[in-house]
Amino acid sequence: MKVVVFDLDDTLYDEITYVHSGFRAVAMYLREQFDLPTDESIKIMISVLESEGRGQVFDRLLHHYGKYSKVTVRECLRVYRCHEPQIHLYEDATRCLELLREMGSPLYIVTDGNKWVQYRKLIALGLYDHPAIRKCFISRRFGIKNEKPSPYCFMQICAKENVKPSDVVYIGDNPNKDFVGIKPLGFKTIRILRGGFAAIQKSNEFEADITIRTLDELWKKEIFHAIPNRQPLGWQRS
């Protein structure tokens, strides 16, 4: 492989740690504003997240304490998105980045999501300053239409490195969008089975060429040899 590209959330770090970090920031804000108990607020938010998903976490918390208003919900969301996250790379990610750096492989990151949220994550993880990583692409900076499964950022990497898609391997976790847009172009794809999508199975067009459970598995010789070579389709930017 001439170039290695990583997803961010649940590939290089555990995304739930970001969520919990944000919940703590919100709980501390609500303690300052309404004198609400921090630890209990965090427990309530985690419980709502696990039972209902993310959409109503702050609404449910504020209703519980009789402090609900649309303005306060928006402020909680602002605090969540703007906080300085307390997050860390997976141990195998730290090892992997260092080994690839020693090998001289050009490394990139492509991540979707709110551009300020993703920027703060990358800063907190030390990835903007990491000596191995040439560029972090926050896809939404190029417009929502260029988020995955769009191949836009990946083609930018090919142009920057002057390589073909078949010279690039992408490692991600989400079969809903990570691979379906780039496999037909000849990119090589690896799915890491962890995070919220670990148990999801999709049809072959959505799945990566091979799967791994930790980044340490990349050093098994058969991993890269197991990825098939495909004739890339033509690609036009819409």
C-alpha atoms as a PDB file:
ATOM      1  CA  MET A   1       0.000   0.000   0.000  1.00  0.00           C
ATOM      2  CA  LYS A   2       1.349   3.413  -0.919  1.00  0.00           C
ATOM      3  CA  VAL A   3      -1.215   5.376   1.126  1.00  0.00           C
ATOM      4  CA  VAL A   4      -3.265   4.468   4.222  1.00  0.00           C
ATOM      5  CA  VAL A   5      -6.425   6.381   5.151  1.00  0.00           C
ATOM      6  CA  PHE A   6      -8.242   6.037   8.468  1.00  0.00           C
ATOM      7  CA  ASP A   7     -11.736   6.837   9.610  1.00  0.00           C
ATOM      8  CA  LEU A   8     -11.816   8.526  13.030  1.00  0.00           C
ATOM      9  CA  ASP A   9     -14.778   7.637  15.263  1.00  0.00           C
ATOM     10  CA  ASP A  10     -14.618   4.061  16.593  1.00  0.00           C
ATOM     11  CA  THR A  11     -11.618   3.382  14.355  1.00  0.00           C
ATOM     12  CA  LEU A  12      -8.850   5.357  16.056  1.00  0.00           C
ATOM     13  CA  TYR A  13     -10.643   6.085  19.354  1.00  0.00           C
ATOM     14  CA  ASP A  14     -13.765   4.975  21.216  1.00  0.00           C
ATOM     15  CA  GLU A  15     -16.549   7.390  20.244  1.00  0.00           C
ATOM     16  CA  ILE A  16     -18.606   6.720  23.385  1.00  0.00           C
ATOM     17  CA  THR A  17     -15.821   8.356  25.397  1.00  0.00           C
ATOM     18  CA  TYR A  18     -16.493  11.572  23.485  1.00  0.00           C
ATOM     19  CA  VAL A  19     -20.208  11.295  24.250  1.00  0.00           C
ATOM     20  CA  HIS A  20     -19.560  10.805  27.959  1.00  0.00           C
ATOM     21  CA  SER A  21     -17.083  13.678  27.949  1.00  0.00           C
ATOM     22  CA  GLY A  22     -19.767  15.899  26.417  1.00  0.00           C
ATOM     23  CA  PHE A  23     -22.344  14.745  28.952  1.00  0.00           C
ATOM     24  CA  ARG A  24     -20.011  15.728  31.768  1.00  0.00           C
ATOM     25  CA  ALA A  25     -19.545  19.178  30.244  1.00  0.00           C
ATOM     26  CA  VAL A  26     -23.324  19.606  29.992  1.00  0.00           C
ATOM     27  CA  ALA A  27     -23.840  18.382  33.564  1.00  0.00           C
ATOM     28  CA  MET A  28     -21.292  20.879  34.856  1.00  0.00           C
ATOM     29  CA  TYR A  29     -23.003  23.676  32.920  1.00  0.00           C
ATOM     30  CA  LEU A  30     -26.388  22.728  34.408  1.00  0.00           C
ATOM     31  CA  ARG A  31     -24.878  22.636  37.888  1.00  0.00           C
ATOM     32  CA  GLU A  32     -23.684  26.205  37.414  1.00  0.00           C
ATOM     33  CA  GLN A  33     -27.004  27.365  35.983  1.00  0.00           C
ATOM     34  CA  PHE A  34     -29.527  25.453  38.088  1.00  0.00           C
ATOM     35  CA  ASP A  35     -27.494  23.739  40.818  1.00  0.00           C
ATOM     36  CA  LEU A  36     -28.364  20.312  39.410  1.00  0.00           C
ATOM     37  CA  PRO A  37     -26.350  17.322  40.704  1.00  0.00           C
ATOM     38  CA  THR A  38     -23.561  16.535  38.241  1.00  0.00           C
ATOM     39  CA  ASP A  39     -23.186  12.780  38.726  1.00  0.00           C
ATOM     40  CA  GLU A  40     -26.926  12.137  38.755  1.00  0.00           C
ATOM     41  CA  SER A  41     -27.386  14.225  35.583  1.00  0.00           C
ATOM     42  CA  ILE A  42     -24.715  12.191  33.816  1.00  0.00           C
ATOM     43  CA  LYS A  43     -26.371   8.925  34.850  1.00  0.00           C
ATOM     44  CA  ILE A  44     -29.722  10.132  33.527  1.00  0.00           C
ATOM     45  CA  MET A  45     -28.214  11.167  30.185  1.00  0.00           C
ATOM     46  CA  ILE A  46     -26.445   7.834  29.781  1.00  0.00           C
ATOM     47  CA  SER A  47     -29.648   5.968  30.638  1.00  0.00           C
ATOM     48  CA  VAL A  48     -31.654   7.934  28.056  1.00  0.00           C
ATOM     49  CA  LEU A  49     -28.925   7.415  25.455  1.00  0.00           C
ATOM     50  CA  GLU A  50     -28.949   3.653  25.988  1.00  0.00           C
ATOM     51  CA  SER A  51     -32.753   3.362  25.935  1.00  0.00           C
ATOM     52  CA  GLU A  52     -33.779   5.976  23.358  1.00  0.00           C
ATOM     53  CA  GLY A  53     -30.704   7.079  21.417  1.00  0.00           C
ATOM     54  CA  ARG A  54     -29.216  10.572  21.194  1.00  0.00           C
ATOM     55  CA  GLY A  55     -32.147  12.616  19.934  1.00  0.00           C
ATOM     56  CA  GLN A  56     -33.925  13.381  23.213  1.00  0.00           C
ATOM     57  CA  VAL A  57     -31.162  13.157  25.824  1.00  0.00           C
ATOM     58  CA  PHE A  58     -31.128  16.811  26.883  1.00  0.00           C
ATOM     59  CA  ASP A  59     -34.902  17.147  26.605  1.00  0.00           C
ATOM     60  CA  ARG A  60     -35.457  14.175  28.912  1.00  0.00           C
ATOM     61  CA  LEU A  61     -32.878  15.405  31.414  1.00  0.00           C
ATOM     62  CA  LEU A  62     -34.359  18.886  31.651  1.00  0.00           C
ATOM     63  CA  HIS A  63     -37.927  17.563  31.891  1.00  0.00           C
ATOM     64  CA  HIS A  64     -36.782  15.304  34.737  1.00  0.00           C
ATOM     65  CA  TYR A  65     -35.663  18.336  36.755  1.00  0.00           C
ATOM     66  CA  GLY A  66     -38.473  20.644  35.633  1.00  0.00           C
ATOM     67  CA  LYS A  67     -36.038  22.932  33.801  1.00  0.00           C
ATOM     68  CA  TYR A  68     -37.081  22.283  30.220  1.00  0.00           C
ATOM     69  CA  SER A  69     -37.091  25.016  27.596  1.00  0.00           C
ATOM     70  CA  LYS A  70     -36.075  25.030  23.960  1.00  0.00           C
ATOM     71  CA  VAL A  71     -33.497  27.696  24.754  1.00  0.00           C
ATOM     72  CA  THR A  72     -31.881  25.551  27.442  1.00  0.00           C
ATOM     73  CA  VAL A  73     -31.851  22.497  25.181  1.00  0.00           C
ATOM     74  CA  ARG A  74     -30.063  24.522  22.498  1.00  0.00           C
ATOM     75  CA  GLU A  75     -27.577  25.766  25.068  1.00  0.00           C
ATOM     76  CA  CYS A  76     -26.892  22.207  26.233  1.00  0.00           C
ATOM     77  CA  LEU A  77     -26.253  21.217  22.631  1.00  0.00           C
ATOM     78  CA  ARG A  78     -23.881  24.167  22.210  1.00  0.00           C
ATOM     79  CA  VAL A  79     -21.963  23.184  25.344  1.00  0.00           C
ATOM     80  CA  TYR A  80     -21.794  19.579  24.152  1.00  0.00           C
ATOM     81  CA  ARG A  81     -20.457  20.485  20.734  1.00  0.00           C
ATOM     82  CA  CYS A  82     -18.029  23.154  21.933  1.00  0.00           C
ATOM     83  CA  HIS A  83     -16.489  21.414  24.930  1.00  0.00           C
ATOM     84  CA  GLU A  84     -12.859  20.298  24.944  1.00  0.00           C
ATOM     85  CA  PRO A  85     -13.204  16.508  24.838  1.00  0.00           C
ATOM     86  CA  GLN A  86     -11.374  14.225  27.223  1.00  0.00           C
ATOM     87  CA  ILE A  87     -10.606  11.394  24.813  1.00  0.00           C
ATOM     88  CA  HIS A  88      -7.637   9.177  23.906  1.00  0.00           C
ATOM     89  CA  LEU A  89      -6.526   7.029  20.993  1.00  0.00           C
ATOM     90  CA  TYR A  90      -7.032   3.299  21.238  1.00  0.00           C
ATOM     91  CA  GLU A  91      -3.803   1.625  22.300  1.00  0.00           C
ATOM     92  CA  ASP A  92      -3.640  -0.333  19.050  1.00  0.00           C
ATOM     93  CA  ALA A  93      -4.173   2.910  17.105  1.00  0.00           C
ATOM     94  CA  THR A  94      -1.177   4.491  18.829  1.00  0.00           C
ATOM     95  CA  ARG A  95       0.962   1.469  17.941  1.00  0.00           C
ATOM     96  CA  CYS A  96      -0.353   1.348  14.388  1.00  0.00           C
ATOM     97  CA  LEU A  97       0.310   5.012  13.620  1.00  0.00           C
ATOM     98  CA  GLU A  98       3.834   4.769  14.987  1.00  0.00           C
ATOM     99  CA  LEU A  99       4.648   1.637  12.986  1.00  0.00           C
ATOM    100  CA  LEU A 100       3.275   3.144   9.776  1.00  0.00           C
ATOM    101  CA  ARG A 101       5.265   6.311  10.442  1.00  0.00           C
ATOM    102  CA  GLU A 102       8.440   4.256  10.764  1.00  0.00           C
ATOM    103  CA  MET A 103       7.588   2.543   7.475  1.00  0.00           C
ATOM    104  CA  GLY A 104       7.188   5.923   5.792  1.00  0.00           C
ATOM    105  CA  SER A 105       3.617   5.310   4.668  1.00  0.00           C
ATOM    106  CA  PRO A 106       1.655   8.489   3.875  1.00  0.00           C
ATOM    107  CA  LEU A 107      -1.258   8.591   6.334  1.00  0.00           C
ATOM    108  CA  TYR A 108      -4.529  10.497   6.127  1.00  0.00           C
ATOM    109  CA  ILE A 109      -7.797  10.752   8.043  1.00  0.00           C
ATOM    110  CA  VAL A 110     -11.249  11.209   6.506  1.00  0.00           C
ATOM    111  CA  THR A 111     -14.035  11.906   8.984  1.00  0.00           C
ATOM    112  CA  ASP A 112     -17.670  12.987   8.672  1.00  0.00           C
ATOM    113  CA  GLY A 113     -19.766  15.071  11.034  1.00  0.00           C
ATOM    114  CA  ASN A 114     -20.054  18.567  12.441  1.00  0.00           C
ATOM    115  CA  LYS A 115     -16.839  20.267  11.376  1.00  0.00           C
ATOM    116  CA  TRP A 116     -16.180  21.976  14.716  1.00  0.00           C
ATOM    117  CA  VAL A 117     -16.928  18.821  16.711  1.00  0.00           C
ATOM    118  CA  GLN A 118     -14.613  16.736  14.536  1.00  0.00           C
ATOM    119  CA  TYR A 119     -11.931  19.431  14.655  1.00  0.00           C
ATOM    120  CA  ARG A 120     -11.972  19.435  18.465  1.00  0.00           C
ATOM    121  CA  LYS A 121     -11.747  15.648  18.521  1.00  0.00           C
ATOM    122  CA  LEU A 122      -8.711  15.689  16.229  1.00  0.00           C
ATOM    123  CA  ILE A 123      -7.038  18.343  18.357  1.00  0.00           C
ATOM    124  CA  ALA A 124      -7.763  16.455  21.599  1.00  0.00           C
ATOM    125  CA  LEU A 125      -6.321  13.253  20.130  1.00  0.00           C
ATOM    126  CA  GLY A 126      -3.178  15.010  18.940  1.00  0.00           C
ATOM    127  CA  LEU A 127      -3.798  14.013  15.343  1.00  0.00           C
ATOM    128  CA  TYR A 128      -3.358  17.429  13.770  1.00  0.00           C
ATOM    129  CA  ASP A 129       0.162  17.517  15.154  1.00  0.00           C
ATOM    130  CA  HIS A 130       0.913  13.823  14.746  1.00  0.00           C
ATOM    131  CA  PRO A 131       4.174  13.389  12.787  1.00  0.00           C
ATOM    132  CA  ALA A 132       2.750  10.459  10.809  1.00  0.00           C
ATOM    133  CA  ILE A 133      -0.393  12.153   9.463  1.00  0.00           C
ATOM    134  CA  ARG A 134      -0.153  14.361   6.400  1.00  0.00           C
ATOM    135  CA  LYS A 135      -3.692  15.764   6.457  1.00  0.00           C
ATOM    136  CA  CYS A 136      -6.994  15.334   8.282  1.00  0.00           C
ATOM    137  CA  PHE A 137      -9.981  15.717   5.966  1.00  0.00           C
ATOM    138  CA  ILE A 138     -13.167  16.837   7.726  1.00  0.00           C
ATOM    139  CA  SER A 139     -15.493  16.091   4.844  1.00  0.00           C
ATOM    140  CA  ARG A 140     -18.240  18.533   5.791  1.00  0.00           C
ATOM    141  CA  ARG A 141     -15.842  21.402   5.180  1.00  0.00           C
ATOM    142  CA  PHE A 142     -16.361  20.563   1.510  1.00  0.00           C
ATOM    143  CA  GLY A 143     -20.153  20.421   1.853  1.00  0.00           C
ATOM    144  CA  ILE A 144     -22.498  17.743   3.166  1.00  0.00           C
ATOM    145  CA  LYS A 145     -22.731  16.244  -0.331  1.00  0.00           C
ATOM    146  CA  ASN A 146     -19.033  15.360  -0.073  1.00  0.00           C
ATOM    147  CA  GLU A 147     -19.370  13.363   3.136  1.00  0.00           C
ATOM    148  CA  LYS A 148     -19.066   9.600   2.868  1.00  0.00           C
ATOM    149  CA  PRO A 149     -20.124   7.658   0.866  1.00  0.00           C
ATOM    150  CA  SER A 150     -18.932  10.344  -1.546  1.00  0.00           C
ATOM    151  CA  PRO A 151     -15.407   9.569  -2.797  1.00  0.00           C
ATOM    152  CA  TYR A 152     -14.532  13.274  -2.951  1.00  0.00           C
ATOM    153  CA  CYS A 153     -11.980  13.400  -0.111  1.00  0.00           C
ATOM    154  CA  PHE A 154     -10.419  10.124  -1.205  1.00  0.00           C
ATOM    155  CA  MET A 155      -9.913  11.418  -4.727  1.00  0.00           C
ATOM    156  CA  GLN A 156      -8.339  14.535  -3.254  1.00  0.00           C
ATOM    157  CA  ILE A 157      -5.849  12.275  -1.472  1.00  0.00           C
ATOM    158  CA  CYS A 158      -5.094  10.429  -4.704  1.00  0.00           C
ATOM    159  CA  ALA A 159      -4.412  13.722  -6.447  1.00  0.00           C
ATOM    160  CA  LYS A 160      -2.255  14.977  -3.589  1.00  0.00           C
ATOM    161  CA  GLU A 161      -0.139  11.802  -3.551  1.00  0.00           C
ATOM    162  CA  ASN A 162      -0.271  11.254  -7.324  1.00  0.00           C
ATOM    163  CA  VAL A 163      -1.462   7.666  -6.896  1.00  0.00           C
ATOM    164  CA  LYS A 164      -4.249   5.494  -8.260  1.00  0.00           C
ATOM    165  CA  PRO A 165      -7.193   4.440  -6.026  1.00  0.00           C
ATOM    166  CA  SER A 166      -5.763   0.905  -6.046  1.00  0.00           C
ATOM    167  CA  ASP A 167      -2.702   2.269  -4.228  1.00  0.00           C
ATOM    168  CA  VAL A 168      -4.870   3.422  -1.293  1.00  0.00           C
ATOM    169  CA  VAL A 169      -6.265   1.347   1.562  1.00  0.00           C
ATOM    170  CA  TYR A 170      -9.057   2.749   3.720  1.00  0.00           C
ATOM    171  CA  ILE A 171      -9.791   1.492   7.231  1.00  0.00           C
ATOM    172  CA  GLY A 172     -13.178   2.281   8.779  1.00  0.00           C
ATOM    173  CA  ASP A 173     -15.951   0.823  10.914  1.00  0.00           C
ATOM    174  CA  ASN A 174     -19.303   1.835   9.397  1.00  0.00           C
ATOM    175  CA  PRO A 175     -20.552  -0.454   6.606  1.00  0.00           C
ATOM    176  CA  ASN A 176     -23.507   1.844   5.953  1.00  0.00           C
ATOM    177  CA  LYS A 177     -21.328   4.441   4.233  1.00  0.00           C
ATOM    178  CA  ASP A 178     -17.584   3.890   4.609  1.00  0.00           C
ATOM    179  CA  PHE A 179     -16.914   1.531   1.697  1.00  0.00           C
ATOM    180  CA  VAL A 180     -19.807   1.558  -0.766  1.00  0.00           C
ATOM    181  CA  GLY A 181     -18.730   4.773  -2.491  1.00  0.00           C
ATOM    182  CA  ILE A 182     -15.048   3.939  -2.961  1.00  0.00           C
ATOM    183  CA  LYS A 183     -14.887   0.184  -3.610  1.00  0.00           C
ATOM    184  CA  PRO A 184     -16.116   0.511  -7.215  1.00  0.00           C
ATOM    185  CA  LEU A 185     -13.296   2.983  -7.906  1.00  0.00           C
ATOM    186  CA  GLY A 186     -10.618   0.478  -6.958  1.00  0.00           C
ATOM    187  CA  PHE A 187      -9.808   1.588  -3.399  1.00  0.00           C
ATOM    188  CA  LYS A 188      -8.861  -1.224  -1.052  1.00  0.00           C
ATOM    189  CA  THR A 189     -11.042  -1.394   2.061  1.00  0.00           C
ATOM    190  CA  ILE A 190     -10.716  -2.852   5.551  1.00  0.00           C
ATOM    191  CA  ARG A 191     -13.484  -2.877   8.145  1.00  0.00           C
ATOM    192  CA  ILE A 192     -12.596  -2.906  11.830  1.00  0.00           C
ATOM    193  CA  LEU A 193     -15.267  -4.626  13.910  1.00  0.00           C
ATOM    194  CA  ARG A 194     -15.757  -2.362  16.908  1.00  0.00           C
ATOM    195  CA  GLY A 195     -18.011   0.422  18.063  1.00  0.00           C
ATOM    196  CA  GLY A 196     -21.730   0.743  17.465  1.00  0.00           C
ATOM    197  CA  PHE A 197     -21.630  -0.878  14.015  1.00  0.00           C
ATOM    198  CA  ALA A 198     -19.635  -3.970  14.949  1.00  0.00           C
ATOM    199  CA  ALA A 199     -22.595  -6.359  14.771  1.00  0.00           C
ATOM    200  CA  ILE A 200     -24.138  -4.929  11.584  1.00  0.00           C
ATOM    201  CA  GLN A 201     -23.985  -7.064   8.455  1.00  0.00           C
ATOM    202  CA  LYS A 202     -24.666  -5.579   5.032  1.00  0.00           C
ATOM    203  CA  SER A 203     -24.759  -6.830   1.458  1.00  0.00           C
ATOM    204  CA  ASN A 204     -21.433  -7.284  -0.300  1.00  0.00           C
ATOM    205  CA  GLU A 205     -21.497  -3.900  -2.038  1.00  0.00           C
ATOM    206  CA  PHE A 206     -21.488  -2.178   1.370  1.00  0.00           C
ATOM    207  CA  GLU A 207     -18.959  -4.415   3.057  1.00  0.00           C
ATOM    208  CA  ALA A 208     -15.186  -3.946   3.055  1.00  0.00           C
ATOM    209  CA  ASP A 209     -12.860  -6.341   1.275  1.00  0.00           C
ATOM    210  CA  ILE A 210     -11.732  -7.846   4.574  1.00  0.00           C
ATOM    211  CA  THR A 211     -12.479  -7.414   8.276  1.00  0.00           C
ATOM    212  CA  ILE A 212     -10.263  -7.182  11.348  1.00  0.00           C
ATOM    213  CA  ARG A 213     -10.935  -6.853  15.067  1.00  0.00           C
ATOM    214  CA  THR A 214      -7.908  -4.774  16.052  1.00  0.00           C
ATOM    215  CA  LEU A 215      -5.421  -2.635  14.175  1.00  0.00           C
ATOM    216  CA  ASP A 216      -2.676  -4.964  15.376  1.00  0.00           C
ATOM    217  CA  GLU A 217      -3.959  -7.479  12.812  1.00  0.00           C
ATOM    218  CA  LEU A 218      -2.696  -5.246  10.003  1.00  0.00           C
ATOM    219  CA  TRP A 219       0.781  -6.635  10.556  1.00  0.00           C
ATOM    220  CA  LYS A 220      -0.248 -10.119   9.551  1.00  0.00           C
ATOM    221  CA  LYS A 221       1.180 -10.598   6.081  1.00  0.00           C
ATOM    222  CA  GLU A 222      -1.969 -12.164   4.699  1.00  0.00           C
ATOM    223  CA  ILE A 223      -4.115  -9.108   5.490  1.00  0.00           C
ATOM    224  CA  PHE A 224      -3.059  -6.915   2.583  1.00  0.00           C
ATOM    225  CA  HIS A 225      -2.579  -9.853   0.243  1.00  0.00           C
ATOM    226  CA  ALA A 226      -6.182 -10.900   0.917  1.00  0.00           C
ATOM    227  CA  ILE A 227      -7.558  -7.675  -0.560  1.00  0.00           C
ATOM    228  CA  PRO A 228      -8.604  -8.300  -4.173  1.00  0.00           C
ATOM    229  CA  ASN A 229      -7.477  -6.125  -7.045  1.00  0.00           C
ATOM    230  CA  ARG A 230     -10.379  -4.540  -8.921  1.00  0.00           C
ATOM    231  CA  GLN A 231     -10.523  -2.644 -12.142  1.00  0.00           C
ATOM    232  CA  PRO A 232     -11.609   0.863 -11.080  1.00  0.00           C
ATOM    233  CA  LEU A 233     -14.653   2.415 -12.687  1.00  0.00           C
ATOM    234  CA  GLY A 234     -14.471   5.882 -14.147  1.00  0.00           C
ATOM    235  CA  TRP A 235     -15.291   8.640 -11.681  1.00  0.00           C
ATOM    236  CA  GLN A 236     -16.747  12.028 -12.333  1.00  0.00           C
ATOM    237  CA  ARG A 237     -17.375  14.692  -9.790  1.00  0.00           C
ATOM    238  CA  SER A 238     -21.026  15.707  -9.769  1.00  0.00           C
END
